[in-house]
Protein backbone atom coordinates (compact mmCIF):
# COMPACT_ATOMS: atom_id res chain seq x y z
CA UNK A 1 39.42 -7.50 -18.57
CA UNK A 2 38.17 -5.87 -15.74
CA UNK A 3 37.07 -7.21 -12.68
CA UNK A 4 34.63 -5.67 -9.36
CA UNK A 5 36.03 -5.66 -5.88
CA UNK A 6 33.05 -7.04 -4.43
CA UNK A 7 34.83 -9.45 -1.45
CA UNK A 8 35.55 -8.02 1.83
CA UNK A 9 37.93 -8.91 4.62
CA UNK A 10 36.03 -11.66 6.24
CA UNK A 11 34.85 -13.17 2.65
CA UNK A 12 38.16 -13.41 2.05
CA UNK A 13 39.56 -14.99 5.87
CA UNK A 14 36.53 -17.68 5.38
CA UNK A 15 37.77 -18.73 1.55
CA UNK A 16 41.12 -18.86 2.85
CA UNK A 17 39.94 -21.12 5.90
CA UNK A 18 37.99 -22.93 3.40
CA UNK A 19 40.75 -23.77 0.99
CA UNK A 20 42.97 -25.05 4.23
CA UNK A 21 40.99 -27.30 5.73
CA UNK A 22 40.32 -29.83 4.26
CA UNK A 23 39.97 -34.26 5.24
CA UNK A 24 44.45 -33.84 6.11
CA UNK A 25 43.86 -33.03 9.55
CA UNK A 26 42.05 -36.10 10.31
CA UNK A 27 44.75 -37.81 9.65
CA UNK A 28 48.11 -36.71 8.81
CA UNK A 29 49.17 -36.30 12.14
CA UNK A 30 50.36 -40.16 12.69
CA UNK A 31 52.03 -39.61 9.48
CA UNK A 32 53.92 -36.97 10.48
CA UNK A 33 54.09 -38.32 13.82
CA UNK A 34 55.57 -41.60 12.55
CA UNK A 35 58.14 -39.44 10.56
CA UNK A 36 59.20 -36.97 13.81
CA UNK A 37 59.71 -40.06 15.96
CA UNK A 38 59.36 -37.33 19.06
CA UNK A 39 57.18 -34.20 20.27
CA UNK A 40 60.01 -31.78 19.50
CA UNK A 41 60.44 -32.55 15.75
CA UNK A 42 56.30 -33.05 15.64
CA UNK A 43 55.41 -30.59 17.10
CA UNK A 44 57.93 -27.72 15.49
CA UNK A 45 57.02 -29.09 12.58
CA UNK A 46 53.49 -27.86 12.76
CA UNK A 47 54.71 -24.55 13.43
CA UNK A 48 56.46 -24.33 11.59
CA UNK A 49 54.51 -25.27 9.01
CA UNK A 50 52.54 -22.69 9.60
CA UNK A 51 54.44 -20.24 9.49
CA UNK A 52 55.85 -20.82 5.79
CA UNK A 53 52.20 -21.06 4.59
CA UNK A 54 51.61 -18.09 5.79
CA UNK A 55 54.58 -16.93 3.63
CA UNK A 56 53.25 -18.82 1.15
CA UNK A 57 49.78 -17.54 1.30
CA UNK A 58 51.18 -14.01 1.10
CA UNK A 59 53.00 -14.68 -1.69
CA UNK A 60 50.23 -15.05 -3.95
CA UNK A 61 48.32 -13.06 -2.86
CA UNK A 62 50.77 -10.38 -4.20
CA UNK A 63 50.88 -12.72 -7.30
CA UNK A 64 46.89 -12.95 -7.75
CA UNK A 65 46.86 -8.96 -7.20
CA UNK A 66 49.57 -7.38 -10.18
CA UNK A 67 47.78 -9.72 -12.18
CA UNK A 68 44.67 -10.90 -11.66
CA UNK A 69 43.07 -14.03 -14.20
CA UNK A 70 41.05 -16.80 -13.83
CA UNK A 71 42.71 -20.01 -13.77
CA UNK A 72 45.67 -17.98 -11.59
CA UNK A 73 48.33 -20.57 -12.27
CA UNK A 74 48.05 -21.39 -15.83
CA UNK A 75 47.60 -18.15 -16.80
CA UNK A 76 50.93 -16.33 -14.67
CA UNK A 77 53.12 -20.08 -15.91
CA UNK A 78 52.46 -18.17 -19.00
CA UNK A 79 52.77 -14.93 -18.78
CA UNK A 80 55.57 -15.09 -16.60
CA UNK A 81 57.82 -18.26 -18.13
CA UNK A 82 55.66 -19.98 -21.69
CA UNK A 83 53.25 -21.79 -22.86
CA UNK A 84 54.75 -24.59 -23.01
CA UNK A 85 56.45 -24.84 -19.21
CA UNK A 86 52.99 -23.80 -18.38
CA UNK A 87 50.99 -26.26 -19.67
CA UNK A 88 53.64 -28.50 -18.66
CA UNK A 89 53.42 -27.75 -14.93
CA UNK A 90 49.26 -27.85 -14.14
CA UNK A 91 48.98 -31.18 -16.30
CA UNK A 92 51.11 -32.10 -13.97
CA UNK A 93 49.00 -30.50 -10.88
CA UNK A 94 45.84 -31.66 -12.76
CA UNK A 95 47.25 -35.22 -12.12
CA UNK A 96 48.09 -34.42 -8.51
CA UNK A 97 44.61 -33.14 -7.59
CA UNK A 98 43.98 -36.94 -9.00
CA UNK A 99 46.57 -38.20 -6.44
CA UNK A 100 45.16 -36.28 -3.73
CA UNK A 101 41.41 -36.95 -4.09
CA UNK A 102 42.88 -40.76 -4.14
CA UNK A 103 44.97 -39.70 -0.68
CA UNK A 104 41.28 -38.24 0.80
CA UNK A 105 39.14 -40.80 -0.50
CA UNK A 106 41.80 -43.13 1.63
CA UNK A 107 41.26 -41.37 4.34
CA UNK A 108 37.43 -41.60 4.48
CA UNK A 109 37.57 -45.84 3.67
CA UNK A 110 40.11 -46.37 6.90
CA UNK A 111 37.60 -44.31 8.62
CA UNK A 112 34.07 -46.18 7.76
CA UNK A 113 36.28 -49.45 6.68
CA UNK A 114 35.66 -51.39 10.51
CA UNK A 115 32.50 -50.77 10.18
CA UNK A 116 31.36 -52.10 6.23
CA UNK A 117 34.52 -55.32 5.79
CA UNK A 118 34.91 -58.02 7.86
CA UNK A 119 38.05 -58.95 9.71
CA UNK A 120 39.21 -60.65 7.16
CA UNK A 121 38.90 -57.45 5.22
CA UNK A 122 40.40 -54.96 8.45
CA UNK A 123 43.63 -53.97 5.51
CA UNK A 124 45.43 -52.32 2.92
CA UNK A 125 42.84 -54.48 0.60
CA UNK A 126 39.60 -53.47 2.76
CA UNK A 127 41.07 -49.45 2.33
CA UNK A 128 41.58 -50.03 -1.61
CA UNK A 129 38.30 -51.81 -2.32
CA UNK A 130 36.22 -49.11 -0.33
CA UNK A 131 38.02 -46.06 -1.71
CA UNK A 132 37.10 -47.51 -5.61
CA UNK A 133 33.74 -48.60 -4.78
CA UNK A 134 33.15 -44.69 -3.22
CA UNK A 135 34.57 -43.16 -6.36
CA UNK A 136 32.85 -45.25 -9.15
CA UNK A 137 29.27 -44.34 -6.78
CA UNK A 138 30.38 -40.59 -7.09
CA UNK A 139 31.37 -41.50 -11.02
CA UNK A 140 27.59 -43.19 -11.27
CA UNK A 141 25.40 -39.70 -9.05
CA UNK A 142 27.66 -37.00 -11.11
CA UNK A 143 26.14 -38.15 -14.45
CA UNK A 144 23.15 -36.49 -13.13
CA UNK A 145 24.15 -32.98 -13.01
CA UNK A 146 26.17 -30.55 -10.10
CA UNK A 147 23.39 -28.92 -8.19
CA UNK A 148 24.98 -30.89 -5.25
CA UNK A 149 28.27 -29.50 -5.28
CA UNK A 150 26.96 -26.06 -4.84
CA UNK A 151 25.32 -26.76 -1.95
CA UNK A 152 27.92 -28.21 1.10
CA UNK A 153 31.20 -25.88 0.48
CA UNK A 154 29.79 -23.39 3.79
CA UNK A 155 28.40 -26.19 5.09
CA UNK A 156 30.55 -28.13 5.20
CA UNK A 157 33.99 -25.87 6.72
CA UNK A 158 31.30 -24.98 9.44
CA UNK A 159 30.66 -28.73 10.66
CA UNK A 160 34.96 -28.91 10.26
CA UNK A 161 35.89 -26.56 12.01
CA UNK A 162 33.14 -27.50 14.54
CA UNK A 163 34.02 -31.19 14.95
CA UNK A 164 37.92 -29.69 15.06
CA UNK A 165 36.85 -28.17 18.40
CA UNK A 166 34.98 -30.78 19.72
CA UNK A 167 37.65 -33.33 19.27
CA UNK A 168 39.83 -30.72 21.44
CA UNK A 169 37.11 -30.82 24.31
CA UNK A 170 38.63 -34.66 24.55
CA UNK A 171 41.46 -33.23 26.69
CA UNK A 172 39.51 -31.14 29.13
CA UNK A 173 36.57 -32.98 29.80
CA UNK A 174 37.71 -37.09 29.95
CA UNK A 175 39.63 -38.43 32.57
CA UNK A 176 39.22 -41.55 31.45
CA UNK A 177 42.13 -41.54 28.60
CA UNK A 178 42.52 -44.47 27.10
CA UNK A 179 45.94 -46.15 27.33
CA UNK A 180 49.15 -44.46 25.56
CA UNK A 181 51.45 -46.70 23.35
CA UNK A 182 53.81 -45.86 25.05
CA UNK A 183 56.67 -47.31 22.20
CA UNK A 184 58.01 -45.14 19.27
CA UNK A 185 58.75 -45.70 16.24
CA UNK A 186 62.86 -45.86 16.14
CA UNK A 187 64.34 -42.84 13.96
CA UNK A 188 66.66 -44.42 11.10
CA UNK A 189 67.84 -41.88 9.64
CA UNK A 190 68.79 -38.16 11.15
CA UNK A 191 66.97 -35.36 13.10
CA UNK A 192 67.20 -33.18 9.47
CA UNK A 193 65.92 -35.95 7.72
CA UNK A 194 62.86 -37.04 10.35
CA UNK A 195 62.22 -33.44 10.34
CA UNK A 196 62.12 -32.45 6.38
CA UNK A 197 59.97 -35.69 5.72
CA UNK A 198 57.34 -34.77 8.73
CA UNK A 199 57.09 -31.24 6.59
CA UNK A 200 55.52 -33.38 3.91
CA UNK A 201 52.57 -34.50 5.45
CA UNK A 202 52.14 -31.39 7.09
CA UNK A 203 52.16 -29.81 4.21
CA UNK A 204 50.24 -31.68 2.51
CA UNK A 205 47.51 -30.37 5.76
CA UNK A 206 48.24 -26.77 5.26
CA UNK A 207 47.89 -27.13 1.49
CA UNK A 208 45.14 -25.12 -0.36
CA UNK A 209 45.59 -21.28 0.16
CA UNK A 210 47.92 -20.67 -3.31
CA UNK A 211 44.77 -21.34 -4.86
CA UNK A 212 44.36 -17.10 -3.74
CA UNK A 213 45.90 -16.54 -6.72
CA UNK A 214 42.60 -16.57 -8.39
CA UNK A 215 40.98 -13.04 -6.25
CA UNK A 216 43.79 -10.61 -5.87
CA UNK A 217 41.14 -8.48 -8.28
CA UNK A 218 37.48 -9.16 -6.44
CA UNK A 219 39.03 -7.70 -2.50
CA UNK A 220 37.64 -4.46 -1.55
CA UNK A 221 40.37 -2.28 -0.44
CA UNK A 222 42.69 -4.50 -1.29
CA UNK A 223 45.83 -3.62 -0.58
CA UNK A 224 44.29 -3.49 3.03
CA UNK A 225 42.37 -5.97 3.73
CA UNK A 226 44.35 -9.12 0.68
CA UNK A 227 47.38 -9.11 3.98
CA UNK A 228 44.78 -9.00 7.14
CA UNK A 229 42.73 -11.41 5.76
CA UNK A 230 45.56 -14.05 4.65
CA UNK A 231 47.67 -13.82 8.56
CA UNK A 232 44.16 -13.87 10.22
CA UNK A 233 43.06 -16.51 7.78
CA UNK A 234 46.22 -18.58 8.19
CA UNK A 235 46.36 -16.99 12.36
CA UNK A 236 42.97 -19.53 13.14
CA UNK A 237 43.61 -22.55 11.19
CA UNK A 238 47.69 -22.99 12.70
CA UNK A 239 45.51 -21.67 16.50
CA UNK A 240 42.86 -24.80 14.98
CA UNK A 241 45.76 -27.30 13.87
CA UNK A 242 48.16 -26.79 16.76
CA UNK A 243 45.33 -26.86 19.41
CA UNK A 244 43.60 -30.62 18.01
CA UNK A 245 47.39 -31.68 17.88
CA UNK A 246 48.31 -30.88 21.61
CA UNK A 247 44.25 -32.81 22.23
CA UNK A 248 46.15 -35.73 20.07
CA UNK A 249 49.19 -36.12 21.52
CA UNK A 250 47.69 -34.89 25.47
CA UNK A 251 44.86 -38.18 24.82
CA UNK A 252 47.04 -40.50 22.73
CA UNK A 253 50.52 -39.31 23.03
CA UNK A 254 52.90 -39.92 20.09
CA UNK A 255 52.73 -44.00 20.15
CA UNK A 256 49.00 -43.79 20.38
CA UNK A 257 49.01 -41.70 17.18
CA UNK A 258 51.56 -43.76 15.95
CA UNK A 259 49.40 -46.38 15.64
CA UNK A 260 46.07 -44.35 15.51
CA UNK A 261 44.62 -43.54 11.67
CA UNK A 262 41.12 -43.10 12.54
CA UNK A 263 42.25 -39.76 14.69
CA UNK A 264 39.30 -38.34 15.00
CA UNK A 265 36.58 -40.79 15.15
CA UNK A 266 39.26 -42.35 18.16
CA UNK A 267 38.96 -38.48 19.95
CA UNK A 268 35.47 -39.01 19.78
CA UNK A 269 35.30 -42.51 21.00
CA UNK A 270 36.99 -40.98 23.85
CA UNK A 271 34.72 -37.45 24.77
CA UNK A 272 31.14 -40.07 23.68
CA UNK A 273 32.73 -43.86 24.08
CA UNK A 274 31.92 -45.81 20.85
CA UNK A 275 28.61 -44.80 20.05
CA UNK A 276 30.86 -41.52 19.25
CA UNK A 277 33.46 -43.62 17.32
CA UNK A 278 31.35 -44.83 14.77
CA UNK A 279 28.70 -41.60 13.98
CA UNK A 280 31.68 -39.49 13.62
CA UNK A 281 33.81 -41.54 10.99
CA UNK A 282 30.12 -41.97 9.18
CA UNK A 283 29.72 -38.04 9.36
CA UNK A 284 33.46 -38.06 8.03
CA UNK A 285 33.25 -40.56 5.85
CA UNK A 286 30.65 -38.12 4.64
CA UNK A 287 32.16 -35.41 4.89
CA UNK A 288 35.20 -37.50 2.48
CA UNK A 289 32.22 -37.73 -0.64
CA UNK A 290 31.78 -34.25 -0.56
CA UNK A 291 34.94 -33.40 -1.15
CA UNK A 292 35.78 -36.45 -3.49
CA UNK A 293 32.64 -35.05 -5.35
CA UNK A 294 33.06 -32.29 -5.57
CA UNK A 295 36.93 -31.96 -7.51
CA UNK A 296 35.24 -35.26 -9.97
CA UNK A 297 33.16 -31.66 -10.85
CA UNK A 298 35.71 -28.87 -10.67
CA UNK A 299 39.07 -31.01 -12.06
CA UNK A 300 38.24 -32.00 -15.33
CA UNK A 301 37.23 -27.86 -15.66
CA UNK A 302 41.28 -27.27 -16.29
CA UNK A 303 41.24 -29.44 -19.09
CA UNK A 304 38.17 -27.70 -20.77
CA UNK A 305 40.54 -24.70 -20.60
CA UNK A 306 43.68 -26.59 -22.08
CA UNK A 307 40.92 -28.08 -24.94
CA UNK A 308 39.75 -24.21 -25.38
CA UNK A 309 43.46 -23.67 -25.88
CA UNK A 310 44.31 -26.09 -28.31
CA UNK A 311 46.58 -28.48 -26.67
CA UNK A 312 43.82 -30.91 -25.48
CA UNK A 313 41.20 -32.52 -27.45
CA UNK A 314 38.00 -30.56 -28.45
CA UNK A 315 36.35 -33.95 -26.72
CA UNK A 316 37.67 -32.60 -23.60
CA UNK A 317 35.84 -29.17 -23.78
CA UNK A 318 31.96 -31.57 -24.94
CA UNK A 319 30.26 -30.47 -21.98
CA UNK A 320 26.73 -32.36 -22.09
CA UNK A 321 23.43 -29.63 -22.58
CA UNK A 322 21.09 -31.03 -20.16
CA UNK A 323 23.11 -31.25 -16.78
CA UNK A 324 26.02 -29.63 -17.55
CA UNK A 325 28.56 -32.21 -17.59
CA UNK A 326 31.78 -33.12 -19.08
CA UNK A 327 31.20 -36.89 -19.32
CA UNK A 328 34.42 -37.40 -21.26
CA UNK A 329 36.64 -35.10 -19.63
CA UNK A 330 35.21 -36.47 -16.22
CA UNK A 331 35.84 -39.91 -17.01
CA UNK A 332 38.74 -39.19 -17.89
CA UNK A 333 39.63 -37.73 -14.47
CA UNK A 334 38.16 -40.78 -12.12
CA UNK A 335 39.78 -43.00 -14.13
CA UNK A 336 42.92 -41.14 -13.31
CA UNK A 337 42.07 -40.96 -10.00
CA UNK A 338 41.49 -45.51 -10.49
CA UNK A 339 45.54 -45.91 -12.10
CA UNK A 340 47.11 -43.75 -9.31
CA UNK A 341 44.98 -45.74 -6.30
CA UNK A 342 45.64 -49.37 -8.35
CA UNK A 343 49.11 -48.69 -7.98
CA UNK A 344 49.28 -47.15 -4.31
CA UNK A 345 46.71 -48.24 -1.32
CA UNK A 346 48.15 -46.66 1.31
CA UNK A 347 47.93 -42.75 2.53
CA UNK A 348 51.16 -42.48 3.10
CA UNK A 349 52.71 -43.43 0.31
CA UNK A 350 50.31 -41.27 -2.15
CA UNK A 351 51.51 -38.31 0.06
CA UNK A 352 54.81 -38.53 -1.23
CA UNK A 353 53.96 -37.89 -4.74
CA UNK A 354 51.23 -35.68 -4.61
CA UNK A 355 53.48 -33.60 -1.92
CA UNK A 356 57.00 -34.05 -4.92
CA UNK A 357 54.23 -32.41 -7.74
CA UNK A 358 52.95 -30.13 -4.92
CA UNK A 359 56.25 -28.51 -3.59
CA UNK A 360 57.66 -27.95 -7.64
CA UNK A 361 54.46 -26.75 -9.07
CA UNK A 362 54.49 -24.09 -5.91
CA UNK A 363 57.61 -23.55 -5.54
CA UNK A 364 58.54 -21.95 -9.38
CA UNK A 365 54.88 -20.41 -9.10
CA UNK A 366 55.38 -18.77 -6.57
CA UNK A 367 59.74 -17.73 -8.07
CA UNK A 368 56.80 -15.67 -10.38
CA UNK A 369 56.68 -12.66 -8.13
CA UNK A 370 59.67 -11.59 -8.73
CA UNK A 371 59.44 -11.23 -12.80
CA UNK A 372 55.49 -9.54 -12.25
CA UNK A 373 56.84 -6.93 -10.30
CA UNK A 374 59.62 -6.17 -13.03
CA UNK A 375 56.52 -6.85 -15.99
CA UNK A 376 54.10 -4.97 -13.59
CA UNK A 377 56.04 -2.02 -12.21
CA UNK A 378 53.75 0.62 -13.43
CA UNK A 379 51.27 -0.85 -10.75
CA UNK A 380 53.13 -0.14 -7.73
CA UNK A 381 51.52 2.72 -6.76
CA UNK A 382 47.99 1.46 -7.67
CA UNK A 383 45.86 -0.20 -4.52
CA UNK A 384 47.17 -3.53 -5.04
CA UNK A 385 49.20 -5.26 -1.64
CA UNK A 386 52.72 -5.86 -1.81
CA UNK A 387 54.62 -8.33 0.21
CA UNK A 388 56.31 -6.57 3.58
CA UNK A 389 60.14 -7.87 4.42
CA UNK A 390 60.23 -8.84 0.49
CA UNK A 391 61.98 -11.27 -1.24
CA UNK A 392 62.49 -13.23 2.27
CA UNK A 393 58.68 -13.79 2.20
CA UNK A 394 58.66 -15.32 -0.82
CA UNK A 395 62.00 -16.82 0.21
CA UNK A 396 61.38 -18.65 3.08
CA UNK A 397 58.29 -20.32 1.02
CA UNK A 398 60.65 -21.16 -2.12
CA UNK A 399 63.41 -22.40 0.49
CA UNK A 400 61.48 -24.46 2.54
CA UNK A 401 59.36 -26.63 -0.44
CA UNK A 402 63.08 -27.96 -2.23
CA UNK A 403 64.00 -28.52 1.33
CA UNK A 404 61.33 -31.25 0.89
CA UNK A 405 61.59 -32.01 -2.01
CA UNK A 406 65.01 -32.94 -1.45
CA UNK A 407 63.27 -35.07 1.30
CA UNK A 408 61.30 -36.74 -1.05
CA UNK A 409 63.55 -37.72 -3.30
CA UNK A 410 65.88 -38.97 -0.38
CA UNK A 411 63.13 -41.39 0.10
CA UNK A 412 62.65 -42.29 -3.49
CA UNK A 413 66.10 -44.11 -3.21
CA UNK A 414 64.14 -46.54 -1.33
CA UNK A 415 62.13 -47.24 -4.64
CA UNK A 416 64.32 -45.40 -8.30
CA UNK A 417 61.33 -46.10 -9.90
CA UNK A 418 59.23 -43.39 -8.29
CA UNK A 419 61.59 -41.10 -8.72
CA UNK A 420 61.22 -41.72 -12.91
CA UNK A 421 57.18 -42.25 -12.50
CA UNK A 422 57.05 -38.40 -11.87
CA UNK A 423 59.90 -37.41 -14.36
CA UNK A 424 57.98 -38.92 -17.15
CA UNK A 425 54.98 -37.73 -15.89
CA UNK A 426 56.82 -33.71 -16.65
CA UNK A 427 58.41 -34.77 -19.74
CA UNK A 428 54.33 -36.12 -20.93
CA UNK A 429 53.05 -33.58 -20.45
CA UNK A 430 55.89 -31.46 -22.94
CA UNK A 431 55.48 -33.45 -24.83
CA UNK A 432 51.46 -33.30 -25.58
CA UNK A 433 51.51 -29.67 -25.59
CA UNK A 434 54.03 -29.39 -28.41
CA UNK A 435 51.92 -32.32 -30.40
CA UNK A 436 48.80 -30.33 -29.52
CA UNK A 437 50.52 -27.19 -30.46
CA UNK A 438 51.76 -28.68 -33.75
CA UNK A 439 48.25 -30.07 -34.72
CA UNK A 440 46.88 -26.14 -34.25
CA UNK A 441 49.95 -24.79 -36.00
CA UNK A 442 48.06 -22.67 -38.89
CA UNK A 443 49.64 -24.30 -42.27
CA UNK A 444 51.98 -21.87 -43.70
CA UNK A 445 51.00 -23.06 -47.64
CA UNK A 446 47.61 -22.56 -47.65
């Protein structure tokens, strides 16, 4: 397939920023503070996470440049490993995406809950009720068509950057800071484990850049523009994240961070009082709905690709001609999201499942760079991007993600069924692949 380069450095920079900045930065610092227990580990995790993210982004940039394909994740796994392994990993990542949607929906529900529910439901049950209702509402709306999701991305990322910068003003504009909670959670583990568990939420918040794998063939002067755009984009994200976390810490302290899940609304309340708190909560909830809506539309497209390969039943690629909606595929994705919400009702618990799948999937995907370099040696002298300081850069990323995976496994000891559930998801994907492959294998007797 021939791909014509059309995107310039600014285009890719904005893509990188858009892919990374979601809703996590408005909630995950509370989880990082709970795991860190102190400012040194807290800020160390955000700085280290940013550097690892840069290494990962550059690694996936070369993967995308060497093997530019639509659906890059699925294709590069199949090319470098085996189609069965490609399906197994991507099947689980699709489940992980459903969990990510559920996690972000939980963030939005935490923001809006105080204004919708009575005091008796100001708890995890109330959050779950709002989350399920929100997902079902979007599910119904999406049957009307796909126009809304195509209009929100650029506007949403511009709004989010502006909101982050506005939050940072709380440090400089307001002298009437709320009384910080001075009591911090005592650490029940050693500092290395605390640091590793802090990175779970940090890597979730920095995630998304791996989708640059799909743009390797689209960039003008790729060898120059890809590393510069990614370095600039991730640098902007790191700066924004450190700035907003400093604002959170300066105003609330570690203790305040630990006990304030709706961080953005709290900070806007410092700037503009109760009215600012309410308006920010409503706006952030709208941003959450936009994120959930886009994913409800986009993720069934992965099912479509798998169905085209004959692995999933044909019904997964059935599209309504009028609305262009995959009604069955969308229903399946929403059902998976709701099932996950039924078993896990807090954002913190959801993170462990999501990041367990992501750390394995992304680190194994990054390993393909070593195979790709051997298989595509003929491209070395052409205008493609190649990583500097190879193999150090991809190894930093891979080892850091394995470190987080080990720490997640440590927490799974408290709930041994959690690890079994995660491994069972991989086994299920492998079984579905061979069942589908066998079903569509030509009959040799014919």
